[in-house]
Amino acid sequence: MRAETGNVDKIRDILFGTQMRDYETRFARLEETVSKETTEMRETSRRRFDQLSSTSSANSRHWNPA
């Protein structure tokens, strides 16, 4: 049974090995791109939130002086 499975795996690798390696490379690149974009979006959101918070505090002090 194991010999048959090994043969099937060899045949599968011969027929589809190149395609599978190409897909693995593409998915790895896609994963890297998504991770990078997510990090950039997180940093942009944090920066914008900080700006909004700062502006809101300044406006609050302007309209409600102590």
PDB file of N, CA and C in Angstrom:
ATOM      1  N   MET A   1       0.823  -1.202   0.000  1.00  0.00           N
ATOM      2  CA  MET A   1       0.000   0.000   0.000  1.00  0.00           C
ATOM      3  C   MET A   1       0.866   1.264   0.000  1.00  0.00           C
ATOM      4  N   ARG A   2       1.899   1.273   0.837  1.00  0.00           N
ATOM      5  CA  ARG A   2       2.775   2.450   0.891  1.00  0.00           C
ATOM      6  C   ARG A   2       3.522   2.653  -0.416  1.00  0.00           C
ATOM      7  N   ALA A   3       3.899   1.575  -1.083  1.00  0.00           N
ATOM      8  CA  ALA A   3       4.606   1.676  -2.368  1.00  0.00           C
ATOM      9  C   ALA A   3       3.709   2.323  -3.403  1.00  0.00           C
ATOM     10  N   GLU A   4       2.423   1.960  -3.387  1.00  0.00           N
ATOM     11  CA  GLU A   4       1.472   2.566  -4.323  1.00  0.00           C
ATOM     12  C   GLU A   4       1.318   4.051  -4.043  1.00  0.00           C
ATOM     13  N   THR A   5       1.227   4.396  -2.764  1.00  0.00           N
ATOM     14  CA  THR A   5       1.100   5.809  -2.388  1.00  0.00           C
ATOM     15  C   THR A   5       2.332   6.591  -2.818  1.00  0.00           C
ATOM     16  N   GLY A   6       3.506   5.988  -2.622  1.00  0.00           N
ATOM     17  CA  GLY A   6       4.748   6.634  -3.040  1.00  0.00           C
ATOM     18  C   GLY A   6       4.787   6.844  -4.543  1.00  0.00           C
ATOM     19  N   ASN A   7       4.324   5.857  -5.298  1.00  0.00           N
ATOM     20  CA  ASN A   7       4.286   5.978  -6.754  1.00  0.00           C
ATOM     21  C   ASN A   7       3.320   7.069  -7.190  1.00  0.00           C
ATOM     22  N   VAL A   8       2.170   7.115  -6.552  1.00  0.00           N
ATOM     23  CA  VAL A   8       1.185   8.154  -6.883  1.00  0.00           C
ATOM     24  C   VAL A   8       1.763   9.525  -6.576  1.00  0.00           C
ATOM     25  N   ASP A   9       2.459   9.648  -5.452  1.00  0.00           N
ATOM     26  CA  ASP A   9       3.082  10.931  -5.106  1.00  0.00           C
ATOM     27  C   ASP A   9       4.136  11.333  -6.133  1.00  0.00           C
ATOM     28  N   LYS A  10       4.920  10.364  -6.598  1.00  0.00           N
ATOM     29  CA  LYS A  10       5.939  10.650  -7.618  1.00  0.00           C
ATOM     30  C   LYS A  10       5.291  11.110  -8.916  1.00  0.00           C
ATOM     31  N   ILE A  11       4.242  10.420  -9.319  1.00  0.00           N
ATOM     32  CA  ILE A  11       3.535  10.791 -10.550  1.00  0.00           C
ATOM     33  C   ILE A  11       2.931  12.178 -10.412  1.00  0.00           C
ATOM     34  N   ARG A  12       2.319  12.429  -9.259  1.00  0.00           N
ATOM     35  CA  ARG A  12       1.714  13.738  -9.007  1.00  0.00           C
ATOM     36  C   ARG A  12       2.774  14.843  -9.064  1.00  0.00           C
ATOM     37  N   ASP A  13       3.939  14.564  -8.473  1.00  0.00           N
ATOM     38  CA  ASP A  13       5.015  15.556  -8.488  1.00  0.00           C
ATOM     39  C   ASP A  13       5.527  15.783  -9.907  1.00  0.00           C
ATOM     40  N   ILE A  14       5.625  14.723 -10.685  1.00  0.00           N
ATOM     41  CA  ILE A  14       6.072  14.868 -12.073  1.00  0.00           C
ATOM     42  C   ILE A  14       5.074  15.690 -12.879  1.00  0.00           C
ATOM     43  N   LEU A  15       3.790  15.411 -12.688  1.00  0.00           N
ATOM     44  CA  LEU A  15       2.760  16.096 -13.473  1.00  0.00           C
ATOM     45  C   LEU A  15       2.501  17.525 -13.009  1.00  0.00           C
ATOM     46  N   PHE A  16       2.472  17.706 -11.686  1.00  0.00           N
ATOM     47  CA  PHE A  16       2.031  18.996 -11.153  1.00  0.00           C
ATOM     48  C   PHE A  16       3.075  19.712 -10.310  1.00  0.00           C
ATOM     49  N   GLY A  17       4.238  19.139 -10.170  1.00  0.00           N
ATOM     50  CA  GLY A  17       5.259  19.703  -9.283  1.00  0.00           C
ATOM     51  C   GLY A  17       5.599  21.142  -9.593  1.00  0.00           C
ATOM     52  N   THR A  18       5.828  21.447 -10.852  1.00  0.00           N
ATOM     53  CA  THR A  18       6.187  22.810 -11.236  1.00  0.00           C
ATOM     54  C   THR A  18       5.053  23.777 -10.934  1.00  0.00           C
ATOM     55  N   GLN A  19       3.839  23.372 -11.261  1.00  0.00           N
ATOM     56  CA  GLN A  19       2.687  24.230 -10.985  1.00  0.00           C
ATOM     57  C   GLN A  19       2.548  24.478  -9.494  1.00  0.00           C
ATOM     58  N   MET A  20       2.683  23.431  -8.699  1.00  0.00           N
ATOM     59  CA  MET A  20       2.529  23.573  -7.258  1.00  0.00           C
ATOM     60  C   MET A  20       3.607  24.486  -6.682  1.00  0.00           C
ATOM     61  N   ARG A  21       4.831  24.352  -7.165  1.00  0.00           N
ATOM     62  CA  ARG A  21       5.898  25.244  -6.680  1.00  0.00           C
ATOM     63  C   ARG A  21       5.605  26.684  -7.083  1.00  0.00           C
ATOM     64  N   ASP A  22       5.074  26.886  -8.298  1.00  0.00           N
ATOM     65  CA  ASP A  22       4.697  28.233  -8.728  1.00  0.00           C
ATOM     66  C   ASP A  22       3.605  28.804  -7.830  1.00  0.00           C
ATOM     67  N   TYR A  23       2.608  27.972  -7.525  1.00  0.00           N
ATOM     68  CA  TYR A  23       1.522  28.426  -6.642  1.00  0.00           C
ATOM     69  C   TYR A  23       2.046  28.739  -5.251  1.00  0.00           C
ATOM     70  N   GLU A  24       2.928  27.902  -4.741  1.00  0.00           N
ATOM     71  CA  GLU A  24       3.505  28.152  -3.421  1.00  0.00           C
ATOM     72  C   GLU A  24       4.258  29.476  -3.409  1.00  0.00           C
ATOM     73  N   THR A  25       5.007  29.761  -4.475  1.00  0.00           N
ATOM     74  CA  THR A  25       5.740  31.027  -4.576  1.00  0.00           C
ATOM     75  C   THR A  25       4.778  32.196  -4.640  1.00  0.00           C
ATOM     76  N   ARG A  26       3.738  32.056  -5.447  1.00  0.00           N
ATOM     77  CA  ARG A  26       2.742  33.133  -5.560  1.00  0.00           C
ATOM     78  C   ARG A  26       2.055  33.391  -4.234  1.00  0.00           C
ATOM     79  N   PHE A  27       1.658  32.316  -3.547  1.00  0.00           N
ATOM     80  CA  PHE A  27       0.983  32.492  -2.263  1.00  0.00           C
ATOM     81  C   PHE A  27       1.914  33.106  -1.229  1.00  0.00           C
ATOM     82  N   ALA A  28       3.167  32.738  -1.255  1.00  0.00           N
ATOM     83  CA  ALA A  28       4.131  33.325  -0.320  1.00  0.00           C
ATOM     84  C   ALA A  28       4.266  34.820  -0.578  1.00  0.00           C
ATOM     85  N   ARG A  29       4.354  35.201  -1.863  1.00  0.00           N
ATOM     86  CA  ARG A  29       4.431  36.624  -2.207  1.00  0.00           C
ATOM     87  C   ARG A  29       3.161  37.355  -1.807  1.00  0.00           C
ATOM     88  N   LEU A  30       2.023  36.729  -2.069  1.00  0.00           N
ATOM     89  CA  LEU A  30       0.739  37.336  -1.715  1.00  0.00           C
ATOM     90  C   LEU A  30       0.627  37.526  -0.208  1.00  0.00           C
ATOM     91  N   GLU A  31       1.035  36.508   0.542  1.00  0.00           N
ATOM     92  CA  GLU A  31       1.003  36.612   1.995  1.00  0.00           C
ATOM     93  C   GLU A  31       1.898  37.750   2.484  1.00  0.00           C
ATOM     94  N   GLU A  32       3.073  37.873   1.897  1.00  0.00           N
ATOM     95  CA  GLU A  32       3.994  38.948   2.265  1.00  0.00           C
ATOM     96  C   GLU A  32       3.389  40.320   1.943  1.00  0.00           C
ATOM     97  N   THR A  33       2.768  40.424   0.778  1.00  0.00           N
ATOM     98  CA  THR A  33       2.152  41.685   0.368  1.00  0.00           C
ATOM     99  C   THR A  33       1.003  42.058   1.305  1.00  0.00           C
ATOM    100  N   VAL A  34       0.159  41.090   1.624  1.00  0.00           N
ATOM    101  CA  VAL A  34      -0.976  41.350   2.517  1.00  0.00           C
ATOM    102  C   VAL A  34      -0.475  41.772   3.894  1.00  0.00           C
ATOM    103  N   SER A  35       0.542  41.102   4.380  1.00  0.00           N
ATOM    104  CA  SER A  35       1.108  41.443   5.678  1.00  0.00           C
ATOM    105  C   SER A  35       1.669  42.864   5.681  1.00  0.00           C
ATOM    106  N   LYS A  36       2.394  43.204   4.620  1.00  0.00           N
ATOM    107  CA  LYS A  36       2.978  44.541   4.501  1.00  0.00           C
ATOM    108  C   LYS A  36       1.875  45.606   4.419  1.00  0.00           C
ATOM    109  N   GLU A  37       0.858  45.343   3.597  1.00  0.00           N
ATOM    110  CA  GLU A  37      -0.242  46.301   3.447  1.00  0.00           C
ATOM    111  C   GLU A  37      -0.993  46.471   4.763  1.00  0.00           C
ATOM    112  N   THR A  38      -1.188  45.382   5.491  1.00  0.00           N
ATOM    113  CA  THR A  38      -1.881  45.449   6.777  1.00  0.00           C
ATOM    114  C   THR A  38      -1.097  46.300   7.767  1.00  0.00           C
ATOM    115  N   THR A  39       0.204  46.106   7.793  1.00  0.00           N
ATOM    116  CA  THR A  39       1.056  46.899   8.686  1.00  0.00           C
ATOM    117  C   THR A  39       0.983  48.381   8.316  1.00  0.00           C
ATOM    118  N   GLU A  40       1.053  48.675   7.032  1.00  0.00           N
ATOM    119  CA  GLU A  40       0.977  50.064   6.582  1.00  0.00           C
ATOM    120  C   GLU A  40      -0.382  50.683   6.935  1.00  0.00           C
ATOM    121  N   MET A  41      -1.463  49.914   6.752  1.00  0.00           N
ATOM    122  CA  MET A  41      -2.793  50.422   7.082  1.00  0.00           C
ATOM    123  C   MET A  41      -2.913  50.684   8.582  1.00  0.00           C
ATOM    124  N   ARG A  42      -2.360  49.784   9.385  1.00  0.00           N
ATOM    125  CA  ARG A  42      -2.403  49.953  10.833  1.00  0.00           C
ATOM    126  C   ARG A  42      -1.654  51.220  11.245  1.00  0.00           C
ATOM    127  N   GLU A  43      -0.471  51.431  10.670  1.00  0.00           N
ATOM    128  CA  GLU A  43       0.315  52.620  10.999  1.00  0.00           C
ATOM    129  C   GLU A  43      -0.391  53.896  10.543  1.00  0.00           C
ATOM    130  N   THR A  44      -0.980  53.862   9.356  1.00  0.00           N
ATOM    131  CA  THR A  44      -1.707  55.018   8.846  1.00  0.00           C
ATOM    132  C   THR A  44      -2.907  55.329   9.732  1.00  0.00           C
ATOM    133  N   SER A  45      -3.633  54.312  10.123  1.00  0.00           N
ATOM    134  CA  SER A  45      -4.800  54.509  10.994  1.00  0.00           C
ATOM    135  C   SER A  45      -4.389  55.084  12.334  1.00  0.00           C
ATOM    136  N   ARG A  46      -3.307  54.551  12.903  1.00  0.00           N
ATOM    137  CA  ARG A  46      -2.830  55.048  14.193  1.00  0.00           C
ATOM    138  C   ARG A  46      -2.409  56.512  14.080  1.00  0.00           C
ATOM    139  N   ARG A  47      -1.700  56.847  12.993  1.00  0.00           N
ATOM    140  CA  ARG A  47      -1.241  58.226  12.794  1.00  0.00           C
ATOM    141  C   ARG A  47      -2.442  59.173  12.644  1.00  0.00           C
ATOM    142  N   ARG A  48      -3.433  58.755  11.868  1.00  0.00           N
ATOM    143  CA  ARG A  48      -4.620  59.589  11.672  1.00  0.00           C
ATOM    144  C   ARG A  48      -5.416  59.739  12.968  1.00  0.00           C
ATOM    145  N   PHE A  49      -5.518  58.664  13.739  1.00  0.00           N
ATOM    146  CA  PHE A  49      -6.216  58.747  15.010  1.00  0.00           C
ATOM    147  C   PHE A  49      -5.502  59.716  15.941  1.00  0.00           C
ATOM    148  N   ASP A  50      -4.174  59.639  15.979  1.00  0.00           N
ATOM    149  CA  ASP A  50      -3.406  60.562  16.829  1.00  0.00           C
ATOM    150  C   ASP A  50      -3.625  62.006  16.390  1.00  0.00           C
ATOM    151  N   GLN A  51      -3.651  62.256  15.081  1.00  0.00           N
ATOM    152  CA  GLN A  51      -3.909  63.608  14.579  1.00  0.00           C
ATOM    153  C   GLN A  51      -5.307  64.069  14.949  1.00  0.00           C
ATOM    154  N   LEU A  52      -6.278  63.192  14.808  1.00  0.00           N
ATOM    155  CA  LEU A  52      -7.652  63.527  15.157  1.00  0.00           C
ATOM    156  C   LEU A  52      -7.774  63.820  16.644  1.00  0.00           C
ATOM    157  N   SER A  53      -7.138  63.012  17.452  1.00  0.00           N
ATOM    158  CA  SER A  53      -7.171  63.207  18.899  1.00  0.00           C
ATOM    159  C   SER A  53      -6.528  64.540  19.282  1.00  0.00           C
ATOM    160  N   SER A  54      -5.406  64.839  18.654  1.00  0.00           N
ATOM    161  CA  SER A  54      -4.717  66.098  18.926  1.00  0.00           C
ATOM    162  C   SER A  54      -5.569  67.298  18.517  1.00  0.00           C
ATOM    163  N   THR A  55      -6.167  67.221  17.345  1.00  0.00           N
ATOM    164  CA  THR A  55      -7.026  68.302  16.862  1.00  0.00           C
ATOM    165  C   THR A  55      -8.246  68.464  17.756  1.00  0.00           C
ATOM    166  N   SER A  56      -8.815  67.356  18.156  1.00  0.00           N
ATOM    167  CA  SER A  56      -9.990  67.389  19.025  1.00  0.00           C
ATOM    168  C   SER A  56      -9.653  68.027  20.368  1.00  0.00           C
ATOM    169  N   SER A  57      -8.504  67.673  20.917  1.00  0.00           N
ATOM    170  CA  SER A  57      -8.078  68.268  22.194  1.00  0.00           C
ATOM    171  C   SER A  57      -7.843  69.768  22.051  1.00  0.00           C
ATOM    172  N   ALA A  58      -7.221  70.171  20.958  1.00  0.00           N
ATOM    173  CA  ALA A  58      -6.962  71.596  20.726  1.00  0.00           C
ATOM    174  C   ALA A  58      -8.276  72.357  20.579  1.00  0.00           C
ATOM    175  N   ASN A  59      -9.208  71.794  19.840  1.00  0.00           N
ATOM    176  CA  ASN A  59     -10.514  72.451  19.681  1.00  0.00           C
ATOM    177  C   ASN A  59     -11.255  72.514  20.997  1.00  0.00           C
ATOM    178  N   SER A  60     -11.158  71.491  21.782  1.00  0.00           N
ATOM    179  CA  SER A  60     -11.827  71.460  23.091  1.00  0.00           C
ATOM    180  C   SER A  60     -11.264  72.545  24.002  1.00  0.00           C
ATOM    181  N   ARG A  61      -9.946  72.693  24.007  1.00  0.00           N
ATOM    182  CA  ARG A  61      -9.322  73.750  24.828  1.00  0.00           C
ATOM    183  C   ARG A  61      -9.712  75.132  24.320  1.00  0.00           C
ATOM    184  N   HIS A  62      -9.829  75.265  23.007  1.00  0.00           N
ATOM    185  CA  HIS A  62     -10.196  76.561  22.418  1.00  0.00           C
ATOM    186  C   HIS A  62     -11.624  76.956  22.808  1.00  0.00           C
ATOM    187  N   TRP A  63     -12.558  76.030  22.745  1.00  0.00           N
ATOM    188  CA  TRP A  63     -13.959  76.356  23.006  1.00  0.00           C
ATOM    189  C   TRP A  63     -14.336  76.256  24.484  1.00  0.00           C
ATOM    190  N   ASN A  64     -13.533  75.597  25.281  1.00  0.00           N
ATOM    191  CA  ASN A  64     -13.793  75.472  26.717  1.00  0.00           C
ATOM    192  C   ASN A  64     -12.557  75.856  27.517  1.00  0.00           C
ATOM    193  N   PRO A  65     -12.223  77.137  27.520  1.00  0.00           N
ATOM    194  CA  PRO A  65     -11.014  77.547  28.257  1.00  0.00           C
ATOM    195  C   PRO A  65     -11.208  77.312  29.756  1.00  0.00           C
ATOM    196  N   ALA A  66     -10.132  76.964  30.404  1.00  0.00           N
ATOM    197  CA  ALA A  66     -10.203  76.673  31.850  1.00  0.00           C
ATOM    198  C   ALA A  66     -10.216  77.924  32.671  1.00  0.00           C
TER     199      ALA A  66
END
